[in-house]
């Protein structure tokens, strides 16, 4: 796993999502979509995303993330849920 990609963003002191390497926040007008490992649909979405990635490097990074999500779901099946449900 590329450590520059894992944990690429953080919440800065102003409460904004920012790039860990540059410190630059994501502008408020730029939409962000976050998938969490507990989302039952996340692995499927990541598989589709991996298929459309333009290069082997990024496909490998997404594969690593898929593996991490699958490990989470196996370790914590009680936490898995449909999006936006209790």
PDB file of N, CA and C in Angstrom:
ATOM      1  N   UNK A   1       0.851  -1.191   0.000  1.00  0.00           N
ATOM      2  CA  UNK A   1       0.000   0.000   0.000  1.00  0.00           C
ATOM      3  C   UNK A   1       0.880   1.231   0.000  1.00  0.00           C
ATOM      4  N   UNK A   2       0.564   2.149  -0.836  1.00  0.00           N
ATOM      5  CA  UNK A   2       1.274   3.428  -0.906  1.00  0.00           C
ATOM      6  C   UNK A   2       0.779   4.317   0.234  1.00  0.00           C
ATOM      7  N   UNK A   3       1.654   4.606   1.176  1.00  0.00           N
ATOM      8  CA  UNK A   3       1.259   5.415   2.335  1.00  0.00           C
ATOM      9  C   UNK A   3       0.835   6.823   1.939  1.00  0.00           C
ATOM     10  N   UNK A   4       1.257   7.303   0.764  1.00  0.00           N
ATOM     11  CA  UNK A   4       0.816   8.618   0.310  1.00  0.00           C
ATOM     12  C   UNK A   4      -0.649   8.597  -0.127  1.00  0.00           C
ATOM     13  N   UNK A   5      -1.158   7.444  -0.472  1.00  0.00           N
ATOM     14  CA  UNK A   5      -2.547   7.326  -0.881  1.00  0.00           C
ATOM     15  C   UNK A   5      -3.443   6.930   0.288  1.00  0.00           C
ATOM     16  N   UNK A   6      -2.934   6.105   1.179  1.00  0.00           N
ATOM     17  CA  UNK A   6      -3.686   5.695   2.357  1.00  0.00           C
ATOM     18  C   UNK A   6      -3.592   6.823   3.374  1.00  0.00           C
ATOM     19  N   UNK A   7      -4.698   7.381   3.735  1.00  0.00           N
ATOM     20  CA  UNK A   7      -4.644   8.528   4.635  1.00  0.00           C
ATOM     21  C   UNK A   7      -4.222   9.791   3.908  1.00  0.00           C
ATOM     22  N   UNK A   8      -4.619   9.895   2.663  1.00  0.00           N
ATOM     23  CA  UNK A   8      -4.222  11.027   1.821  1.00  0.00           C
ATOM     24  C   UNK A   8      -4.799  12.350   2.318  1.00  0.00           C
ATOM     25  N   UNK A   9      -5.923  12.293   3.017  1.00  0.00           N
ATOM     26  CA  UNK A   9      -6.590  13.505   3.485  1.00  0.00           C
ATOM     27  C   UNK A   9      -6.752  13.478   4.994  1.00  0.00           C
ATOM     28  N   UNK A  10      -6.910  14.635   5.587  1.00  0.00           N
ATOM     29  CA  UNK A  10      -7.147  14.770   7.020  1.00  0.00           C
ATOM     30  C   UNK A  10      -8.034  15.982   7.237  1.00  0.00           C
ATOM     31  N   UNK A  11      -8.594  16.101   8.435  1.00  0.00           N
ATOM     32  CA  UNK A  11      -9.388  17.274   8.779  1.00  0.00           C
ATOM     33  C   UNK A  11      -8.443  18.260   9.459  1.00  0.00           C
ATOM     34  N   UNK A  12      -8.315  19.449   8.872  1.00  0.00           N
ATOM     35  CA  UNK A  12      -7.378  20.443   9.416  1.00  0.00           C
ATOM     36  C   UNK A  12      -7.997  21.187  10.604  1.00  0.00           C
ATOM     37  N   UNK A  13      -7.247  22.114  11.166  1.00  0.00           N
ATOM     38  CA  UNK A  13      -7.701  22.836  12.364  1.00  0.00           C
ATOM     39  C   UNK A  13      -8.927  23.715  12.098  1.00  0.00           C
ATOM     40  N   UNK A  14      -9.198  24.014  10.829  1.00  0.00           N
ATOM     41  CA  UNK A  14     -10.397  24.781  10.470  1.00  0.00           C
ATOM     42  C   UNK A  14     -11.598  23.872  10.218  1.00  0.00           C
ATOM     43  N   UNK A  15     -11.406  22.554  10.409  1.00  0.00           N
ATOM     44  CA  UNK A  15     -12.493  21.606  10.182  1.00  0.00           C
ATOM     45  C   UNK A  15     -12.704  21.252   8.724  1.00  0.00           C
ATOM     46  N   UNK A  16     -11.720  21.567   7.873  1.00  0.00           N
ATOM     47  CA  UNK A  16     -11.839  21.280   6.444  1.00  0.00           C
ATOM     48  C   UNK A  16     -11.018  20.045   6.086  1.00  0.00           C
ATOM     49  N   UNK A  17     -11.512  19.282   5.119  1.00  0.00           N
ATOM     50  CA  UNK A  17     -10.772  18.148   4.596  1.00  0.00           C
ATOM     51  C   UNK A  17      -9.623  18.702   3.763  1.00  0.00           C
ATOM     52  N   UNK A  18      -8.396  18.264   4.051  1.00  0.00           N
ATOM     53  CA  UNK A  18      -7.222  18.817   3.377  1.00  0.00           C
ATOM     54  C   UNK A  18      -6.283  17.699   2.947  1.00  0.00           C
ATOM     55  N   UNK A  19      -5.484  17.983   1.925  1.00  0.00           N
ATOM     56  CA  UNK A  19      -4.469  17.058   1.431  1.00  0.00           C
ATOM     57  C   UNK A  19      -3.336  16.989   2.438  1.00  0.00           C
ATOM     58  N   UNK A  20      -2.999  15.783   2.881  1.00  0.00           N
ATOM     59  CA  UNK A  20      -1.971  15.600   3.895  1.00  0.00           C
ATOM     60  C   UNK A  20      -0.599  16.061   3.400  1.00  0.00           C
ATOM     61  N   UNK A  21      -0.273  15.849   2.128  1.00  0.00           N
ATOM     62  CA  UNK A  21       1.040  16.229   1.603  1.00  0.00           C
ATOM     63  C   UNK A  21       1.196  17.733   1.442  1.00  0.00           C
ATOM     64  N   UNK A  22       0.164  18.389   0.919  1.00  0.00           N
ATOM     65  CA  UNK A  22       0.277  19.819   0.615  1.00  0.00           C
ATOM     66  C   UNK A  22      -0.305  20.710   1.700  1.00  0.00           C
ATOM     67  N   UNK A  23      -1.204  20.157   2.519  1.00  0.00           N
ATOM     68  CA  UNK A  23      -1.891  20.953   3.524  1.00  0.00           C
ATOM     69  C   UNK A  23      -3.036  21.776   2.954  1.00  0.00           C
ATOM     70  N   UNK A  24      -3.208  21.746   1.629  1.00  0.00           N
ATOM     71  CA  UNK A  24      -4.268  22.540   0.993  1.00  0.00           C
ATOM     72  C   UNK A  24      -5.634  21.902   1.230  1.00  0.00           C
ATOM     73  N   UNK A  25      -6.592  22.686   1.701  1.00  0.00           N
ATOM     74  CA  UNK A  25      -7.940  22.153   1.905  1.00  0.00           C
ATOM     75  C   UNK A  25      -8.669  21.978   0.570  1.00  0.00           C
ATOM     76  N   UNK A  26      -9.618  21.064   0.575  1.00  0.00           N
ATOM     77  CA  UNK A  26     -10.499  20.913  -0.576  1.00  0.00           C
ATOM     78  C   UNK A  26     -11.470  22.084  -0.518  1.00  0.00           C
ATOM     79  N   UNK A  27     -11.595  22.822  -1.609  1.00  0.00           N
ATOM     80  CA  UNK A  27     -12.482  23.993  -1.590  1.00  0.00           C
ATOM     81  C   UNK A  27     -13.923  23.591  -1.263  1.00  0.00           C
ATOM     82  N   UNK A  28     -14.628  24.435  -0.531  1.00  0.00           N
ATOM     83  CA  UNK A  28     -16.000  24.105  -0.123  1.00  0.00           C
ATOM     84  C   UNK A  28     -16.945  23.842  -1.302  1.00  0.00           C
ATOM     85  N   UNK A  29     -16.668  24.428  -2.451  1.00  0.00           N
ATOM     86  CA  UNK A  29     -17.549  24.233  -3.607  1.00  0.00           C
ATOM     87  C   UNK A  29     -17.269  22.926  -4.351  1.00  0.00           C
ATOM     88  N   UNK A  30     -16.179  22.210  -3.977  1.00  0.00           N
ATOM     89  CA  UNK A  30     -15.851  20.943  -4.643  1.00  0.00           C
ATOM     90  C   UNK A  30     -16.518  19.786  -3.906  1.00  0.00           C
ATOM     91  N   UNK A  31     -17.440  19.072  -4.570  1.00  0.00           N
ATOM     92  CA  UNK A  31     -18.095  17.946  -3.921  1.00  0.00           C
ATOM     93  C   UNK A  31     -17.090  16.831  -3.589  1.00  0.00           C
ATOM     94  N   UNK A  32     -17.333  16.150  -2.488  1.00  0.00           N
ATOM     95  CA  UNK A  32     -16.528  15.012  -2.058  1.00  0.00           C
ATOM     96  C   UNK A  32     -17.481  13.863  -1.761  1.00  0.00           C
ATOM     97  N   UNK A  33     -17.081  12.660  -2.140  1.00  0.00           N
ATOM     98  CA  UNK A  33     -17.896  11.470  -1.895  1.00  0.00           C
ATOM     99  C   UNK A  33     -17.020  10.475  -1.156  1.00  0.00           C
ATOM    100  N   UNK A  34     -17.437  10.064   0.038  1.00  0.00           N
ATOM    101  CA  UNK A  34     -16.645   9.156   0.863  1.00  0.00           C
ATOM    102  C   UNK A  34     -17.368   7.825   0.984  1.00  0.00           C
ATOM    103  N   UNK A  35     -16.626   6.751   0.749  1.00  0.00           N
ATOM    104  CA  UNK A  35     -17.144   5.409   0.977  1.00  0.00           C
ATOM    105  C   UNK A  35     -16.508   4.874   2.251  1.00  0.00           C
ATOM    106  N   UNK A  36     -17.339   4.345   3.134  1.00  0.00           N
ATOM    107  CA  UNK A  36     -16.826   3.738   4.359  1.00  0.00           C
ATOM    108  C   UNK A  36     -16.890   2.226   4.245  1.00  0.00           C
ATOM    109  N   UNK A  37     -15.979   1.551   4.940  1.00  0.00           N
ATOM    110  CA  UNK A  37     -15.899   0.093   4.866  1.00  0.00           C
ATOM    111  C   UNK A  37     -17.161  -0.589   5.368  1.00  0.00           C
ATOM    112  N   UNK A  38     -17.929   0.054   6.254  1.00  0.00           N
ATOM    113  CA  UNK A  38     -19.149  -0.569   6.772  1.00  0.00           C
ATOM    114  C   UNK A  38     -20.306  -0.520   5.773  1.00  0.00           C
ATOM    115  N   UNK A  39     -20.156   0.202   4.695  1.00  0.00           N
ATOM    116  CA  UNK A  39     -21.182   0.304   3.654  1.00  0.00           C
ATOM    117  C   UNK A  39     -21.182  -0.990   2.832  1.00  0.00           C
ATOM    118  N   UNK A  40     -22.297  -1.704   2.846  1.00  0.00           N
ATOM    119  CA  UNK A  40     -22.386  -2.976   2.118  1.00  0.00           C
ATOM    120  C   UNK A  40     -22.169  -2.822   0.611  1.00  0.00           C
ATOM    121  N   UNK A  41     -22.340  -1.636   0.082  1.00  0.00           N
ATOM    122  CA  UNK A  41     -22.187  -1.413  -1.358  1.00  0.00           C
ATOM    123  C   UNK A  41     -20.795  -0.917  -1.744  1.00  0.00           C
ATOM    124  N   UNK A  42     -19.964  -0.618  -0.781  1.00  0.00           N
ATOM    125  CA  UNK A  42     -18.678   0.024  -1.064  1.00  0.00           C
ATOM    126  C   UNK A  42     -17.744  -0.848  -1.901  1.00  0.00           C
ATOM    127  N   UNK A  43     -17.631  -2.129  -1.571  1.00  0.00           N
ATOM    128  CA  UNK A  43     -16.708  -2.990  -2.318  1.00  0.00           C
ATOM    129  C   UNK A  43     -17.136  -3.082  -3.786  1.00  0.00           C
ATOM    130  N   UNK A  44     -18.434  -3.197  -4.015  1.00  0.00           N
ATOM    131  CA  UNK A  44     -18.906  -3.245  -5.403  1.00  0.00           C
ATOM    132  C   UNK A  44     -18.528  -1.946  -6.139  1.00  0.00           C
ATOM    133  N   UNK A  45     -18.767  -0.815  -5.503  1.00  0.00           N
ATOM    134  CA  UNK A  45     -18.427   0.468  -6.123  1.00  0.00           C
ATOM    135  C   UNK A  45     -16.924   0.569  -6.388  1.00  0.00           C
ATOM    136  N   UNK A  46     -16.117   0.112  -5.443  1.00  0.00           N
ATOM    137  CA  UNK A  46     -14.669   0.155  -5.632  1.00  0.00           C
ATOM    138  C   UNK A  46     -14.215  -0.776  -6.747  1.00  0.00           C
ATOM    139  N   UNK A  47     -14.861  -1.925  -6.881  1.00  0.00           N
ATOM    140  CA  UNK A  47     -14.527  -2.828  -7.990  1.00  0.00           C
ATOM    141  C   UNK A  47     -14.783  -2.170  -9.341  1.00  0.00           C
ATOM    142  N   UNK A  48     -15.913  -1.496  -9.463  1.00  0.00           N
ATOM    143  CA  UNK A  48     -16.228  -0.788 -10.712  1.00  0.00           C
ATOM    144  C   UNK A  48     -15.220   0.333 -10.938  1.00  0.00           C
ATOM    145  N   UNK A  49     -14.925   1.089  -9.885  1.00  0.00           N
ATOM    146  CA  UNK A  49     -13.963   2.187  -9.992  1.00  0.00           C
ATOM    147  C   UNK A  49     -12.595   1.674 -10.444  1.00  0.00           C
ATOM    148  N   UNK A  50     -12.172   0.539  -9.858  1.00  0.00           N
ATOM    149  CA  UNK A  50     -10.877  -0.039 -10.235  1.00  0.00           C
ATOM    150  C   UNK A  50     -10.831  -0.366 -11.721  1.00  0.00           C
ATOM    151  N   UNK A  51     -11.922  -0.858 -12.244  1.00  0.00           N
ATOM    152  CA  UNK A  51     -11.972  -1.223 -13.668  1.00  0.00           C
ATOM    153  C   UNK A  51     -11.790  -0.022 -14.594  1.00  0.00           C
ATOM    154  N   UNK A  52     -12.187   1.156 -14.153  1.00  0.00           N
ATOM    155  CA  UNK A  52     -12.086   2.323 -15.035  1.00  0.00           C
ATOM    156  C   UNK A  52     -10.856   3.182 -14.746  1.00  0.00           C
ATOM    157  N   UNK A  53     -10.062   2.793 -13.738  1.00  0.00           N
ATOM    158  CA  UNK A  53      -8.818   3.532 -13.478  1.00  0.00           C
ATOM    159  C   UNK A  53      -7.905   3.423 -14.687  1.00  0.00           C
ATOM    160  N   UNK A  54      -7.216   4.515 -14.989  1.00  0.00           N
ATOM    161  CA  UNK A  54      -6.439   4.599 -16.209  1.00  0.00           C
ATOM    162  C   UNK A  54      -5.058   3.987 -16.184  1.00  0.00           C
ATOM    163  N   UNK A  55      -4.557   3.592 -15.022  1.00  0.00           N
ATOM    164  CA  UNK A  55      -3.205   3.025 -15.013  1.00  0.00           C
ATOM    165  C   UNK A  55      -3.082   1.935 -13.950  1.00  0.00           C
ATOM    166  N   UNK A  56      -2.092   1.089 -14.131  1.00  0.00           N
ATOM    167  CA  UNK A  56      -1.885  -0.055 -13.242  1.00  0.00           C
ATOM    168  C   UNK A  56      -1.605   0.373 -11.808  1.00  0.00           C
ATOM    169  N   UNK A  57      -0.873   1.460 -11.617  1.00  0.00           N
ATOM    170  CA  UNK A  57      -0.522   1.933 -10.283  1.00  0.00           C
ATOM    171  C   UNK A  57      -1.786   2.226  -9.467  1.00  0.00           C
ATOM    172  N   UNK A  58      -2.695   2.996 -10.036  1.00  0.00           N
ATOM    173  CA  UNK A  58      -3.917   3.344  -9.304  1.00  0.00           C
ATOM    174  C   UNK A  58      -4.855   2.148  -9.160  1.00  0.00           C
ATOM    175  N   UNK A  59      -4.878   1.258 -10.154  1.00  0.00           N
ATOM    176  CA  UNK A  59      -5.675   0.040 -10.007  1.00  0.00           C
ATOM    177  C   UNK A  59      -5.162  -0.781  -8.822  1.00  0.00           C
ATOM    178  N   UNK A  60      -3.845  -0.864  -8.664  1.00  0.00           N
ATOM    179  CA  UNK A  60      -3.266  -1.603  -7.541  1.00  0.00           C
ATOM    180  C   UNK A  60      -3.622  -0.948  -6.206  1.00  0.00           C
ATOM    181  N   UNK A  61      -3.605   0.380  -6.160  1.00  0.00           N
ATOM    182  CA  UNK A  61      -3.983   1.084  -4.925  1.00  0.00           C
ATOM    183  C   UNK A  61      -5.434   0.810  -4.560  1.00  0.00           C
ATOM    184  N   UNK A  62      -6.310   0.814  -5.562  1.00  0.00           N
ATOM    185  CA  UNK A  62      -7.722   0.532  -5.299  1.00  0.00           C
ATOM    186  C   UNK A  62      -7.881  -0.925  -4.865  1.00  0.00           C
ATOM    187  N   UNK A  63      -7.123  -1.831  -5.474  1.00  0.00           N
ATOM    188  CA  UNK A  63      -7.170  -3.240  -5.055  1.00  0.00           C
ATOM    189  C   UNK A  63      -6.779  -3.388  -3.589  1.00  0.00           C
ATOM    190  N   UNK A  64      -5.751  -2.663  -3.172  1.00  0.00           N
ATOM    191  CA  UNK A  64      -5.346  -2.687  -1.765  1.00  0.00           C
ATOM    192  C   UNK A  64      -6.472  -2.199  -0.858  1.00  0.00           C
ATOM    193  N   UNK A  65      -7.159  -1.153  -1.281  1.00  0.00           N
ATOM    194  CA  UNK A  65      -8.245  -0.606  -0.485  1.00  0.00           C
ATOM    195  C   UNK A  65      -9.403  -1.598  -0.434  1.00  0.00           C
ATOM    196  N   UNK A  66      -9.692  -2.268  -1.555  1.00  0.00           N
ATOM    197  CA  UNK A  66     -10.743  -3.296  -1.580  1.00  0.00           C
ATOM    198  C   UNK A  66     -10.403  -4.397  -0.578  1.00  0.00           C
ATOM    199  N   UNK A  67      -9.159  -4.832  -0.574  1.00  0.00           N
ATOM    200  CA  UNK A  67      -8.718  -5.866   0.367  1.00  0.00           C
ATOM    201  C   UNK A  67      -8.951  -5.411   1.813  1.00  0.00           C
ATOM    202  N   UNK A  68      -8.626  -4.167   2.114  1.00  0.00           N
ATOM    203  CA  UNK A  68      -8.827  -3.630   3.466  1.00  0.00           C
ATOM    204  C   UNK A  68     -10.320  -3.606   3.820  1.00  0.00           C
ATOM    205  N   UNK A  69     -11.163  -3.218   2.865  1.00  0.00           N
ATOM    206  CA  UNK A  69     -12.606  -3.190   3.104  1.00  0.00           C
ATOM    207  C   UNK A  69     -13.125  -4.612   3.352  1.00  0.00           C
ATOM    208  N   UNK A  70     -12.653  -5.577   2.563  1.00  0.00           N
ATOM    209  CA  UNK A  70     -13.085  -6.965   2.753  1.00  0.00           C
ATOM    210  C   UNK A  70     -12.642  -7.501   4.109  1.00  0.00           C
ATOM    211  N   UNK A  71     -11.439  -7.151   4.524  1.00  0.00           N
ATOM    212  CA  UNK A  71     -10.973  -7.562   5.853  1.00  0.00           C
ATOM    213  C   UNK A  71     -11.843  -6.963   6.946  1.00  0.00           C
ATOM    214  N   UNK A  72     -12.224  -5.702   6.779  1.00  0.00           N
ATOM    215  CA  UNK A  72     -13.104  -5.058   7.755  1.00  0.00           C
ATOM    216  C   UNK A  72     -14.434  -5.808   7.843  1.00  0.00           C
ATOM    217  N   UNK A  73     -15.032  -6.097   6.686  1.00  0.00           N
ATOM    218  CA  UNK A  73     -16.349  -6.749   6.696  1.00  0.00           C
ATOM    219  C   UNK A  73     -16.274  -8.148   7.307  1.00  0.00           C
ATOM    220  N   UNK A  74     -15.158  -8.843   7.113  1.00  0.00           N
ATOM    221  CA  UNK A  74     -14.991 -10.166   7.712  1.00  0.00           C
ATOM    222  C   UNK A  74     -14.770 -10.057   9.220  1.00  0.00           C
ATOM    223  N   UNK A  75     -14.080  -9.029   9.655  1.00  0.00           N
ATOM    224  CA  UNK A  75     -13.768  -8.847  11.071  1.00  0.00           C
ATOM    225  C   UNK A  75     -14.931  -8.266  11.863  1.00  0.00           C
ATOM    226  N   UNK A  76     -15.765  -7.468  11.205  1.00  0.00           N
ATOM    227  CA  UNK A  76     -16.862  -6.765  11.894  1.00  0.00           C
ATOM    228  C   UNK A  76     -18.185  -6.913  11.137  1.00  0.00           C
ATOM    229  N   UNK A  77     -18.659  -8.130  10.923  1.00  0.00           N
ATOM    230  CA  UNK A  77     -19.899  -8.299  10.147  1.00  0.00           C
ATOM    231  C   UNK A  77     -21.099  -7.589  10.773  1.00  0.00           C
ATOM    232  N   UNK A  78     -21.094  -7.440  12.089  1.00  0.00           N
ATOM    233  CA  UNK A  78     -22.216  -6.778  12.765  1.00  0.00           C
ATOM    234  C   UNK A  78     -22.268  -5.286  12.471  1.00  0.00           C
ATOM    235  N   UNK A  79     -21.200  -4.722  11.962  1.00  0.00           N
ATOM    236  CA  UNK A  79     -21.167  -3.288  11.659  1.00  0.00           C
ATOM    237  C   UNK A  79     -21.534  -2.978  10.211  1.00  0.00           C
ATOM    238  N   UNK A  80     -21.693  -4.011   9.398  1.00  0.00           N
ATOM    239  CA  UNK A  80     -22.025  -3.790   7.987  1.00  0.00           C
ATOM    240  C   UNK A  80     -23.483  -3.364   7.868  1.00  0.00           C
ATOM    241  N   UNK A  81     -23.744  -2.411   6.950  1.00  0.00           N
ATOM    242  CA  UNK A  81     -25.114  -1.918   6.790  1.00  0.00           C
ATOM    243  C   UNK A  81     -25.326  -1.327   5.409  1.00  0.00           C
ATOM    244  N   UNK A  82     -26.569  -1.202   5.062  1.00  0.00           N
ATOM    245  CA  UNK A  82     -26.941  -0.459   3.859  1.00  0.00           C
ATOM    246  C   UNK A  82     -26.671   1.020   4.153  1.00  0.00           C
ATOM    247  N   UNK A  83     -26.337   1.802   3.134  1.00  0.00           N
ATOM    248  CA  UNK A  83     -26.109   3.229   3.381  1.00  0.00           C
ATOM    249  C   UNK A  83     -27.341   3.909   3.968  1.00  0.00           C
ATOM    250  N   UNK A  84     -27.081   4.864   4.841  1.00  0.00           N
ATOM    251  CA  UNK A  84     -28.127   5.710   5.430  1.00  0.00           C
ATOM    252  C   UNK A  84     -29.191   4.936   6.188  1.00  0.00           C
ATOM    253  N   UNK A  85     -28.762   3.851   6.849  1.00  0.00           N
ATOM    254  CA  UNK A  85     -29.679   3.134   7.739  1.00  0.00           C
ATOM    255  C   UNK A  85     -29.044   3.088   9.121  1.00  0.00           C
ATOM    256  N   UNK A  86     -29.856   2.787  10.108  1.00  0.00           N
ATOM    257  CA  UNK A  86     -29.358   2.680  11.497  1.00  0.00           C
ATOM    258  C   UNK A  86     -28.402   1.524  11.617  1.00  0.00           C
TER     259      UNK A  86
END
